[in-house]
Amino acid sequence: MFSIFESSRHGRRDFLRIGSLALGGLSLGGLPTSATAANPQRKKSVVLLFLQGGPPQIETFDPKPDGQSEIRSVTGKVKTSLPGVYFGGGLPKMADLAHKMAVVRSFRIGAAGGSHENGYTALLTGNKNSFDAPMGSVYSRAAGSLNPATGVPTNSIILPETIDPDIKLGTPSGAFTYNQTRRYFCTPGKLGSQYQPFDPAGGGQLIENLKLGVSRKRFDDRRELLSKISRLRRELEKLPGLKGASAAQQQAYDVLFRGISKAFDLSKEDPKVLEQYDTSKLVPMKKIRRGGPWYRNNFNRTTNLLGKQLLLARRLCEAGCGFVTVVDSCWDFHNDGNNPPVKMGMDALSPQLDHAVAAFLEDVERRGLSDEILLVITAEMGRTPKKERGGGSGHWGNLAPLVLAGGGLRMGQVIGRSDRTGGHPASEPYTPQHLMATVLQTLFDVGETRLRTDLPAELSQLITDGNPIRELF
């Protein structure tokens, strides 16, 4: 690891830190390398689309069309491309692509799903691994914090503020605020700060001071973003710490900026692709912001930016980021004065989810990346199967939505089943431990990982000894 420092009257400040790549790469001892002979890392990436708040399993992927009126989906049902399988009525585009997905209907968070905070931790860490670290940080520790070929951070998170740095969102309750979201999603546990996700919106130890200050011509104005990067680069080149850097450090610095610049530059994207991902017209933002029956406090982090979040995720994967977390908030439907009822919430959010996911899957297929990128869609909990008074629903850890697509795994199937009420697994339950094992064994070769001597034993065992969702392999 090396550091570039900026001197000031307040003392020396750590301006940029690069390093700690496992598998060779950007370090004081050598130049970036594309691979090592024993590299167990597959050329695959995972995009975790986290529907923050707890979307209803019945309204999304298990609609219970023959259930009692207070249980079955209030958005109706839609036939999928899989015979006899239905999704909730708000997801027609995803239903048409169900043959490219694996739907897990027996996914159980457990008791932790009784609260958002505990649910986040359970889902992200596989019900608390020995490092107390989320999947992305575990991946980064084993793969290296930067991609040695492109300089792109291997573990990133994309929040709405990444797309629109000047966005003005209200203040929801504690579990959904920006700072609390970063606390749970960006904490690397015992692995160390260099393995926390790179947050392009501003934050993260890896590039804490890479503050581009892009004014809102929004995320669409690529020239302004790249201009800011170029100006920052020129300023950094003036620093005494960089002038004294070794050739290896200079090259690491160049690789880092080259990789980030390319990953963020959408100017070369086909306008048709940008249009394909656009979800700006699918969320009733004016109604939500206006207040009245549409306004609820926890809907304050609702945005219409999910399409561009997933587009950036795809670009980061192409640039060498192995784990990307995309957070889409406000899936909390209590109808308690703080959150909307189920029907209103689903009507507002499901069209954007439906469009963005379909666009992502179609895009990666056109690019020949379906087997290289695994999309995981889930949350910290589901909802009570029986609607409460006024059409709301409560927290529910016994079943939660889980859909996977791509990654070279076996798609076109429904795994497990729920009981007739849609509230409990009626087959062997799968848990966050199984999901974490599935993700890690998609990203790493188990046999070759066992041969590595550069990893802590606990980390190697976490990758190799977990029990994945067996139907996917």
Protein backbone atom coordinates (compact mmCIF):
# COMPACT_ATOMS: atom_id res chain seq x y z
CA MET A 1 0.00 0.00 0.00
CA PHE A 2 1.19 3.53 -0.64
CA SER A 3 -0.15 6.98 0.12
CA ILE A 4 -0.07 10.36 -1.51
CA PHE A 5 -0.05 13.18 1.01
CA GLU A 6 -1.02 16.81 0.78
CA SER A 7 0.86 19.12 3.14
CA SER A 8 -0.94 21.98 4.84
CA ARG A 9 -0.66 24.11 7.92
CA HIS A 10 -3.02 21.65 9.60
CA GLY A 11 -0.54 18.85 9.14
CA ARG A 12 -0.08 16.09 6.63
CA ARG A 13 -3.30 14.68 5.21
CA ASP A 14 -3.66 11.26 3.62
CA PHE A 15 -4.94 12.25 0.19
CA LEU A 16 -5.13 8.98 -1.70
CA ARG A 17 -4.53 5.42 -0.64
CA ILE A 18 -4.06 2.60 -3.10
CA GLY A 19 -3.17 -0.95 -2.39
CA SER A 20 -3.58 -4.15 -0.47
CA LEU A 21 -4.29 -6.27 -3.52
CA ALA A 22 -4.24 -9.93 -2.71
CA LEU A 23 -2.96 -11.80 -5.89
CA GLY A 24 -0.26 -9.28 -6.80
CA GLY A 25 -1.05 -5.94 -8.37
CA LEU A 26 -0.86 -2.41 -7.07
CA SER A 27 1.63 -2.57 -4.26
CA LEU A 28 5.01 -1.13 -3.39
CA GLY A 29 6.68 -4.26 -4.55
CA GLY A 30 5.46 -4.58 -8.10
CA LEU A 31 3.51 -3.36 -11.08
CA PRO A 32 -0.09 -4.28 -11.91
CA THR A 33 -0.50 -7.78 -13.23
CA SER A 34 -3.52 -9.30 -14.89
CA ALA A 35 -3.42 -12.59 -13.02
CA THR A 36 -1.29 -15.08 -11.17
CA ALA A 37 -0.88 -18.75 -11.89
CA ALA A 38 -2.99 -19.70 -8.88
CA ASN A 39 -5.67 -17.05 -9.25
CA PRO A 40 -8.93 -18.74 -8.20
CA GLN A 41 -11.00 -15.68 -9.06
CA ARG A 42 -13.35 -16.27 -11.95
CA LYS A 43 -14.00 -13.52 -14.48
CA LYS A 44 -17.44 -12.95 -13.04
CA SER A 45 -19.19 -10.13 -11.25
CA VAL A 46 -22.17 -9.89 -8.92
CA VAL A 47 -24.69 -7.07 -8.85
CA LEU A 48 -26.70 -7.10 -5.63
CA LEU A 49 -29.92 -5.13 -6.15
CA PHE A 50 -31.10 -4.48 -2.61
CA LEU A 51 -34.74 -3.42 -2.33
CA GLN A 52 -34.38 -1.61 0.96
CA GLY A 53 -37.39 -1.69 3.28
CA GLY A 54 -38.84 -5.14 2.74
CA PRO A 55 -40.85 -5.66 -0.48
CA PRO A 56 -43.83 -8.03 -0.22
CA GLN A 57 -42.99 -11.51 -1.45
CA ILE A 58 -46.62 -11.95 -2.54
CA GLU A 59 -46.76 -8.73 -4.61
CA THR A 60 -43.49 -9.50 -6.36
CA PHE A 61 -42.68 -13.14 -7.19
CA ASP A 62 -45.21 -15.31 -5.30
CA PRO A 63 -48.67 -13.76 -5.86
CA LYS A 64 -50.87 -16.57 -4.46
CA PRO A 65 -53.63 -16.03 -7.07
CA ASP A 66 -55.83 -18.71 -5.47
CA GLY A 67 -55.38 -17.46 -1.92
CA GLN A 68 -57.87 -15.66 0.28
CA SER A 69 -58.61 -12.06 -0.63
CA GLU A 70 -56.64 -10.62 2.28
CA ILE A 71 -53.57 -12.66 1.19
CA ARG A 72 -53.40 -12.72 -2.60
CA SER A 73 -51.63 -9.97 -4.50
CA VAL A 74 -53.42 -6.61 -4.51
CA THR A 75 -51.73 -5.85 -7.84
CA GLY A 76 -53.08 -9.01 -9.45
CA LYS A 77 -50.99 -11.54 -11.28
CA VAL A 78 -49.20 -11.81 -14.60
CA LYS A 79 -48.18 -14.95 -16.48
CA THR A 80 -44.46 -15.50 -16.83
CA SER A 81 -42.49 -17.23 -19.56
CA LEU A 82 -42.32 -20.28 -17.28
CA PRO A 83 -45.37 -22.56 -17.57
CA GLY A 84 -47.74 -22.23 -14.62
CA VAL A 85 -45.64 -19.55 -12.89
CA TYR A 86 -46.99 -16.08 -12.07
CA PHE A 87 -45.45 -12.85 -10.82
CA GLY A 88 -47.21 -9.93 -9.19
CA GLY A 89 -49.21 -7.83 -11.62
CA GLY A 90 -46.79 -4.91 -11.48
CA LEU A 91 -43.89 -6.85 -13.05
CA PRO A 92 -44.92 -7.77 -16.62
CA LYS A 93 -41.51 -7.15 -18.24
CA MET A 94 -39.72 -9.26 -15.68
CA ALA A 95 -42.39 -11.93 -16.13
CA ASP A 96 -41.54 -12.13 -19.84
CA LEU A 97 -37.92 -12.82 -18.86
CA ALA A 98 -38.62 -15.35 -16.10
CA HIS A 99 -36.94 -18.09 -18.14
CA LYS A 100 -33.70 -16.16 -17.58
CA MET A 101 -34.21 -16.13 -13.80
CA ALA A 102 -34.27 -18.43 -10.82
CA VAL A 103 -36.98 -17.54 -8.30
CA VAL A 104 -36.43 -18.78 -4.76
CA ARG A 105 -39.77 -19.01 -2.94
CA SER A 106 -38.43 -20.50 0.28
CA PHE A 107 -35.91 -17.80 1.22
CA ARG A 108 -36.02 -17.03 4.92
CA ILE A 109 -34.11 -14.25 6.69
CA GLY A 110 -35.21 -15.51 10.11
CA ALA A 111 -35.71 -13.64 13.36
CA ALA A 112 -33.36 -10.88 12.20
CA GLY A 113 -36.00 -9.95 9.65
CA GLY A 114 -38.03 -8.41 12.42
CA SER A 115 -36.11 -5.14 12.10
CA HIS A 116 -34.48 -3.37 9.18
CA GLU A 117 -31.12 -2.98 10.89
CA ASN A 118 -30.80 -6.61 11.94
CA GLY A 119 -32.11 -7.72 8.57
CA TYR A 120 -29.43 -5.72 6.75
CA THR A 121 -26.71 -7.34 8.81
CA ALA A 122 -28.14 -10.85 8.44
CA LEU A 123 -28.56 -10.62 4.68
CA LEU A 124 -25.28 -8.91 3.88
CA THR A 125 -23.07 -11.02 6.17
CA GLY A 126 -24.75 -14.39 5.68
CA ASN A 127 -26.17 -14.29 9.19
CA LYS A 128 -22.92 -12.97 10.70
CA ASN A 129 -19.72 -14.51 9.36
CA SER A 130 -16.60 -14.52 11.51
CA PHE A 131 -15.46 -11.18 10.03
CA ASP A 132 -18.82 -9.41 10.54
CA ALA A 133 -18.31 -8.32 6.93
CA PRO A 134 -20.75 -8.05 4.02
CA MET A 135 -20.34 -10.17 0.92
CA GLY A 136 -18.72 -7.40 -1.11
CA SER A 137 -15.99 -6.83 1.46
CA VAL A 138 -15.31 -10.57 1.74
CA TYR A 139 -14.95 -10.67 -2.03
CA SER A 140 -12.64 -7.64 -2.03
CA ARG A 141 -10.39 -9.14 0.66
CA ALA A 142 -9.94 -12.29 -1.38
CA ALA A 143 -9.72 -10.65 -4.82
CA GLY A 144 -7.85 -7.46 -3.89
CA SER A 145 -9.29 -4.02 -3.29
CA LEU A 146 -8.44 -2.78 -6.79
CA ASN A 147 -8.58 -4.60 -10.10
CA PRO A 148 -4.90 -4.92 -11.10
CA ALA A 149 -5.62 -4.49 -14.82
CA THR A 150 -8.01 -1.54 -14.75
CA GLY A 151 -7.51 0.15 -11.37
CA VAL A 152 -11.23 0.04 -10.64
CA PRO A 153 -12.25 -0.74 -7.04
CA THR A 154 -13.45 -4.34 -6.86
CA ASN A 155 -16.25 -3.55 -4.40
CA SER A 156 -18.56 -0.58 -5.01
CA ILE A 157 -21.95 0.72 -3.94
CA ILE A 158 -24.30 2.80 -6.09
CA LEU A 159 -26.82 5.01 -4.29
CA PRO A 160 -29.11 7.58 -5.92
CA GLU A 161 -26.58 10.27 -4.93
CA THR A 162 -24.07 8.54 -7.23
CA ILE A 163 -26.26 9.36 -10.21
CA ASP A 164 -27.34 12.82 -9.09
CA PRO A 165 -24.85 14.36 -6.63
CA ASP A 166 -27.10 17.38 -6.11
CA ILE A 167 -30.29 15.46 -5.46
CA LYS A 168 -32.25 16.80 -2.50
CA LEU A 169 -33.97 13.97 -0.67
CA GLY A 170 -35.96 14.36 2.50
CA THR A 171 -35.14 12.78 5.82
CA PRO A 172 -36.81 9.42 6.43
CA SER A 173 -36.67 7.53 9.71
CA GLY A 174 -33.38 6.21 11.02
CA ALA A 175 -33.08 2.94 9.13
CA PHE A 176 -33.35 4.62 5.71
CA THR A 177 -31.26 7.77 6.03
CA TYR A 178 -28.21 8.18 3.81
CA ASN A 179 -25.78 7.90 6.71
CA GLN A 180 -27.48 4.86 8.20
CA THR A 181 -27.58 3.17 4.81
CA ARG A 182 -23.86 3.73 4.40
CA ARG A 183 -23.28 2.49 7.93
CA TYR A 184 -24.82 -0.90 7.25
CA PHE A 185 -23.84 -1.35 3.61
CA CYS A 186 -20.34 0.14 3.73
CA THR A 187 -18.91 -1.26 6.95
CA PRO A 188 -16.20 -3.88 6.24
CA GLY A 189 -16.31 -5.44 9.70
CA LYS A 190 -13.04 -6.87 10.91
CA LEU A 191 -11.48 -7.02 7.45
CA GLY A 192 -10.21 -3.44 7.52
CA SER A 193 -11.21 -0.12 6.01
CA GLN A 194 -9.48 -0.74 2.67
CA TYR A 195 -12.15 -3.37 1.93
CA GLN A 196 -15.20 -1.21 2.48
CA PRO A 197 -17.16 -0.50 -0.71
CA PHE A 198 -16.07 2.42 -2.85
CA ASP A 199 -18.94 4.89 -2.71
CA PRO A 200 -18.72 7.14 -5.80
CA ALA A 201 -21.27 9.46 -4.20
CA GLY A 202 -18.59 10.45 -1.70
CA GLY A 203 -17.24 8.20 1.00
CA GLY A 204 -15.22 5.12 1.66
CA GLN A 205 -11.70 4.80 2.94
CA LEU A 206 -10.29 3.61 -0.37
CA ILE A 207 -10.80 6.94 -2.15
CA GLU A 208 -12.13 9.13 0.65
CA ASN A 209 -10.84 12.33 -0.88
CA LEU A 210 -11.92 11.73 -4.47
CA LYS A 211 -14.57 14.45 -4.26
CA LEU A 212 -15.32 15.53 -7.80
CA GLY A 213 -17.82 18.25 -6.89
CA VAL A 214 -19.87 17.70 -10.04
CA SER A 215 -22.69 20.20 -10.24
CA ARG A 216 -25.98 18.82 -11.42
CA LYS A 217 -26.09 18.83 -15.14
CA ARG A 218 -26.92 15.61 -13.48
CA PHE A 219 -25.07 12.42 -14.07
CA ASP A 220 -25.86 12.82 -17.78
CA ASP A 221 -23.22 15.52 -18.41
CA ARG A 222 -20.21 13.27 -18.91
CA ARG A 223 -18.00 16.07 -20.18
CA GLU A 224 -18.31 17.96 -16.91
CA LEU A 225 -17.57 14.83 -14.87
CA LEU A 226 -14.50 13.98 -16.93
CA SER A 227 -13.37 17.60 -16.78
CA LYS A 228 -13.54 17.44 -12.99
CA ILE A 229 -11.51 14.24 -12.99
CA SER A 230 -8.91 15.83 -15.26
CA ARG A 231 -8.65 18.91 -13.05
CA LEU A 232 -8.32 16.76 -9.95
CA ARG A 233 -5.61 14.76 -11.68
CA ARG A 234 -3.67 17.91 -12.54
CA GLU A 235 -3.91 19.11 -8.95
CA LEU A 236 -2.72 15.78 -7.59
CA GLU A 237 0.24 15.80 -9.94
CA LYS A 238 1.47 18.98 -8.22
CA LEU A 239 1.65 17.33 -4.82
CA PRO A 240 5.15 16.74 -3.39
CA GLY A 241 4.17 13.22 -2.36
CA LEU A 242 3.49 12.20 -5.93
CA LYS A 243 6.72 13.71 -7.25
CA GLY A 244 8.66 11.43 -4.96
CA ALA A 245 6.68 8.34 -5.82
CA SER A 246 8.33 5.33 -7.34
CA ALA A 247 7.61 4.19 -10.88
CA ALA A 248 5.31 1.50 -9.48
CA GLN A 249 3.37 4.07 -7.48
CA GLN A 250 3.10 6.40 -10.46
CA GLN A 251 1.77 3.59 -12.61
CA ALA A 252 -0.69 2.52 -9.92
CA TYR A 253 -1.93 6.10 -9.75
CA ASP A 254 -2.34 6.25 -13.54
CA VAL A 255 -4.16 2.92 -13.63
CA LEU A 256 -6.55 4.05 -10.91
CA PHE A 257 -7.60 7.23 -12.68
CA ARG A 258 -7.74 5.61 -16.09
CA GLY A 259 -10.05 2.90 -14.78
CA ILE A 260 -12.37 5.24 -12.90
CA SER A 261 -12.60 7.67 -15.82
CA LYS A 262 -13.57 4.94 -18.25
CA ALA A 263 -16.08 3.37 -15.90
CA PHE A 264 -17.90 6.66 -15.36
CA ASP A 265 -17.83 7.90 -18.94
CA LEU A 266 -21.26 7.32 -20.47
CA SER A 267 -20.56 9.62 -23.43
CA LYS A 268 -19.77 6.66 -25.66
CA GLU A 269 -22.93 4.79 -24.77
CA ASP A 270 -25.41 4.39 -27.60
CA PRO A 271 -28.25 6.88 -26.95
CA LYS A 272 -30.63 3.98 -27.48
CA VAL A 273 -29.01 2.18 -24.53
CA LEU A 274 -29.36 5.25 -22.34
CA GLU A 275 -32.99 5.51 -23.35
CA GLN A 276 -33.51 1.82 -22.70
CA TYR A 277 -32.41 2.23 -19.07
CA ASP A 278 -34.27 5.49 -18.46
CA THR A 279 -36.80 5.19 -15.62
CA SER A 280 -37.29 8.91 -15.03
CA LYS A 281 -40.91 8.88 -16.22
CA LEU A 282 -42.00 5.77 -14.36
CA VAL A 283 -42.15 7.03 -10.77
CA PRO A 284 -44.77 9.68 -9.84
CA MET A 285 -42.19 11.98 -8.27
CA LYS A 286 -44.42 15.07 -8.39
CA LYS A 287 -47.17 13.29 -6.49
CA ILE A 288 -44.74 11.90 -3.96
CA ARG A 289 -43.03 15.23 -3.36
CA ARG A 290 -46.30 17.17 -3.35
CA GLY A 291 -47.52 15.43 -0.22
CA GLY A 292 -51.12 14.60 0.51
CA PRO A 293 -52.13 10.94 0.20
CA TRP A 294 -48.96 10.13 -1.74
CA TYR A 295 -46.59 11.53 0.89
CA ARG A 296 -45.16 9.40 3.65
CA ASN A 297 -42.02 10.22 5.59
CA ASN A 298 -40.14 7.06 4.62
CA PHE A 299 -40.93 7.68 0.96
CA ASN A 300 -38.46 10.58 1.11
CA ARG A 301 -35.67 8.52 -0.46
CA THR A 302 -37.81 7.46 -3.41
CA THR A 303 -36.16 8.38 -6.71
CA ASN A 304 -36.63 7.61 -10.40
CA LEU A 305 -32.93 6.82 -10.93
CA LEU A 306 -32.83 3.02 -10.62
CA GLY A 307 -32.32 2.49 -14.35
CA LYS A 308 -29.17 4.58 -14.40
CA GLN A 309 -27.96 2.95 -11.20
CA LEU A 310 -28.12 -0.43 -12.94
CA LEU A 311 -26.51 0.97 -16.08
CA LEU A 312 -23.57 2.20 -14.02
CA ALA A 313 -23.42 -1.19 -12.31
CA ARG A 314 -23.08 -2.88 -15.68
CA ARG A 315 -20.30 -0.47 -16.68
CA LEU A 316 -18.44 -1.08 -13.42
CA CYS A 317 -18.66 -4.84 -13.96
CA GLU A 318 -17.25 -4.44 -17.47
CA ALA A 319 -14.41 -2.35 -16.02
CA GLY A 320 -13.42 -5.03 -13.53
CA CYS A 321 -15.51 -4.39 -10.42
CA GLY A 322 -16.44 -7.80 -9.07
CA PHE A 323 -19.15 -6.81 -6.59
CA VAL A 324 -21.58 -3.92 -7.02
CA THR A 325 -24.34 -3.14 -4.54
CA VAL A 326 -27.27 -1.10 -5.88
CA VAL A 327 -29.66 0.22 -3.23
CA ASP A 328 -33.25 1.13 -4.12
CA SER A 329 -35.11 2.41 -1.09
CA CYS A 330 -38.63 2.88 0.30
CA TRP A 331 -40.07 -0.64 -0.02
CA ASP A 332 -41.76 -0.34 3.39
CA PHE A 333 -45.56 -0.44 3.28
CA HIS A 334 -47.11 -0.20 6.76
CA ASN A 335 -49.78 2.44 6.00
CA ASP A 336 -48.97 3.90 9.40
CA GLY A 337 -48.64 7.58 8.54
CA ASN A 338 -44.93 7.07 7.97
CA ASN A 339 -45.18 4.60 5.08
CA PRO A 340 -47.78 4.03 2.32
CA PRO A 341 -50.10 1.02 2.07
CA VAL A 342 -49.07 -1.93 -0.07
CA LYS A 343 -51.09 -1.02 -3.16
CA MET A 344 -49.90 2.59 -3.27
CA GLY A 345 -46.28 1.62 -2.66
CA MET A 346 -46.26 -1.10 -5.30
CA ASP A 347 -47.98 1.13 -7.86
CA ALA A 348 -45.26 3.73 -7.30
CA LEU A 349 -42.17 1.51 -7.24
CA SER A 350 -42.82 -1.67 -9.22
CA PRO A 351 -42.90 -0.06 -12.73
CA GLN A 352 -39.37 1.27 -12.23
CA LEU A 353 -38.07 -2.03 -10.85
CA ASP A 354 -39.73 -3.93 -13.67
CA HIS A 355 -38.30 -1.69 -16.39
CA ALA A 356 -34.81 -1.33 -14.95
CA VAL A 357 -34.25 -5.05 -14.36
CA ALA A 358 -35.59 -5.99 -17.80
CA ALA A 359 -33.33 -3.38 -19.41
CA PHE A 360 -30.32 -4.70 -17.49
CA LEU A 361 -30.94 -8.35 -18.42
CA GLU A 362 -31.53 -7.56 -22.08
CA ASP A 363 -28.45 -5.33 -22.22
CA VAL A 364 -26.05 -7.83 -20.67
CA GLU A 365 -27.37 -10.54 -22.97
CA ARG A 366 -26.74 -8.39 -26.06
CA ARG A 367 -23.20 -7.82 -24.83
CA GLY A 368 -22.60 -11.52 -24.24
CA LEU A 369 -22.25 -10.97 -20.48
CA SER A 370 -25.15 -13.02 -19.14
CA ASP A 371 -22.86 -15.78 -17.89
CA GLU A 372 -20.33 -13.31 -16.48
CA ILE A 373 -22.68 -11.12 -14.42
CA LEU A 374 -24.93 -12.53 -11.71
CA LEU A 375 -27.82 -10.27 -10.70
CA VAL A 376 -29.22 -10.91 -7.22
CA ILE A 377 -32.47 -9.20 -6.21
CA THR A 378 -33.45 -9.41 -2.54
CA ALA A 379 -34.05 -7.42 0.66
CA GLU A 380 -33.69 -7.52 4.43
CA MET A 381 -37.16 -9.00 4.91
CA GLY A 382 -40.55 -9.63 3.33
CA ARG A 383 -44.01 -8.54 4.50
CA THR A 384 -46.75 -10.13 6.57
CA PRO A 385 -48.82 -12.20 4.14
CA LYS A 386 -52.15 -10.99 5.49
CA LYS A 387 -52.87 -7.34 4.78
CA GLU A 388 -53.49 -5.25 7.83
CA ARG A 389 -56.21 -2.67 8.35
CA GLY A 390 -56.03 -0.02 5.66
CA GLY A 391 -54.01 -2.23 3.30
CA GLY A 392 -50.68 -2.06 5.08
CA SER A 393 -48.34 -4.90 5.97
CA GLY A 394 -45.76 -5.47 8.69
CA HIS A 395 -42.20 -6.75 8.88
CA TRP A 396 -41.78 -10.44 8.14
CA GLY A 397 -38.59 -12.48 8.35
CA ASN A 398 -40.07 -15.90 7.60
CA LEU A 399 -40.13 -15.33 3.83
CA ALA A 400 -38.43 -12.72 1.66
CA PRO A 401 -38.13 -12.21 -2.09
CA LEU A 402 -35.06 -13.65 -3.79
CA VAL A 403 -34.44 -13.76 -7.54
CA LEU A 404 -31.16 -14.50 -9.33
CA ALA A 405 -30.30 -14.09 -13.00
CA GLY A 406 -27.22 -15.01 -15.02
CA GLY A 407 -23.77 -15.76 -13.68
CA GLY A 408 -23.59 -19.07 -15.54
CA LEU A 409 -25.98 -20.65 -13.03
CA ARG A 410 -29.06 -22.73 -13.83
CA MET A 411 -31.87 -20.36 -14.72
CA GLY A 412 -35.49 -20.85 -15.76
CA GLN A 413 -36.72 -22.43 -12.55
CA VAL A 414 -38.65 -21.86 -9.35
CA ILE A 415 -36.75 -23.14 -6.33
CA GLY A 416 -38.69 -24.13 -3.23
CA ARG A 417 -42.25 -23.21 -2.39
CA SER A 418 -44.16 -21.31 0.25
CA ASP A 419 -47.19 -22.47 2.19
CA ARG A 420 -50.72 -21.57 1.10
CA THR A 421 -50.62 -18.26 2.96
CA GLY A 422 -47.28 -17.17 1.49
CA GLY A 423 -45.88 -16.70 4.97
CA HIS A 424 -43.62 -19.70 5.59
CA PRO A 425 -41.43 -22.07 3.57
CA ALA A 426 -43.25 -25.28 2.65
CA SER A 427 -39.99 -26.83 1.46
CA GLU A 428 -36.44 -26.73 2.77
CA PRO A 429 -35.73 -23.09 3.58
CA TYR A 430 -32.77 -21.28 2.12
CA THR A 431 -31.11 -18.59 4.22
CA PRO A 432 -28.58 -15.74 3.91
CA GLN A 433 -25.82 -18.29 4.56
CA HIS A 434 -26.86 -20.19 1.44
CA LEU A 435 -27.02 -16.98 -0.57
CA MET A 436 -23.55 -15.90 0.54
CA ALA A 437 -22.11 -19.30 -0.36
CA THR A 438 -23.83 -19.10 -3.75
CA VAL A 439 -22.34 -15.70 -4.45
CA LEU A 440 -18.80 -16.55 -3.31
CA GLN A 441 -18.71 -19.86 -5.16
CA THR A 442 -19.89 -18.11 -8.30
CA LEU A 443 -17.02 -15.63 -8.00
CA PHE A 444 -14.25 -18.04 -6.90
CA ASP A 445 -13.11 -21.51 -7.89
CA VAL A 446 -13.47 -23.60 -4.74
CA GLY A 447 -10.73 -26.10 -5.49
CA GLU A 448 -8.14 -23.48 -6.35
CA THR A 449 -9.11 -21.32 -3.39
CA ARG A 450 -8.26 -24.20 -1.06
CA LEU A 451 -4.70 -24.13 -2.44
CA ARG A 452 -4.10 -20.47 -1.62
CA THR A 453 -1.71 -19.66 1.20
CA ASP A 454 -2.25 -15.89 1.24
CA LEU A 455 -5.71 -15.92 2.83
CA PRO A 456 -6.68 -16.32 6.48
CA ALA A 457 -8.05 -19.79 7.10
CA GLU A 458 -11.43 -18.39 8.13
CA LEU A 459 -11.73 -16.49 4.86
CA SER A 460 -10.77 -19.49 2.75
CA GLN A 461 -13.31 -21.62 4.62
CA LEU A 462 -16.01 -19.00 4.15
CA ILE A 463 -15.54 -19.29 0.39
CA THR A 464 -15.04 -23.03 0.11
CA ASP A 465 -17.10 -24.65 2.86
CA GLY A 466 -20.44 -22.87 2.55
CA ASN A 467 -23.55 -24.62 1.28
CA PRO A 468 -24.94 -22.81 -1.77
CA ILE A 469 -28.44 -23.02 -3.20
CA ARG A 470 -27.84 -26.41 -4.75
CA GLU A 471 -30.41 -26.20 -7.56
CA LEU A 472 -28.42 -23.38 -9.14
CA PHE A 473 -25.28 -25.50 -9.74
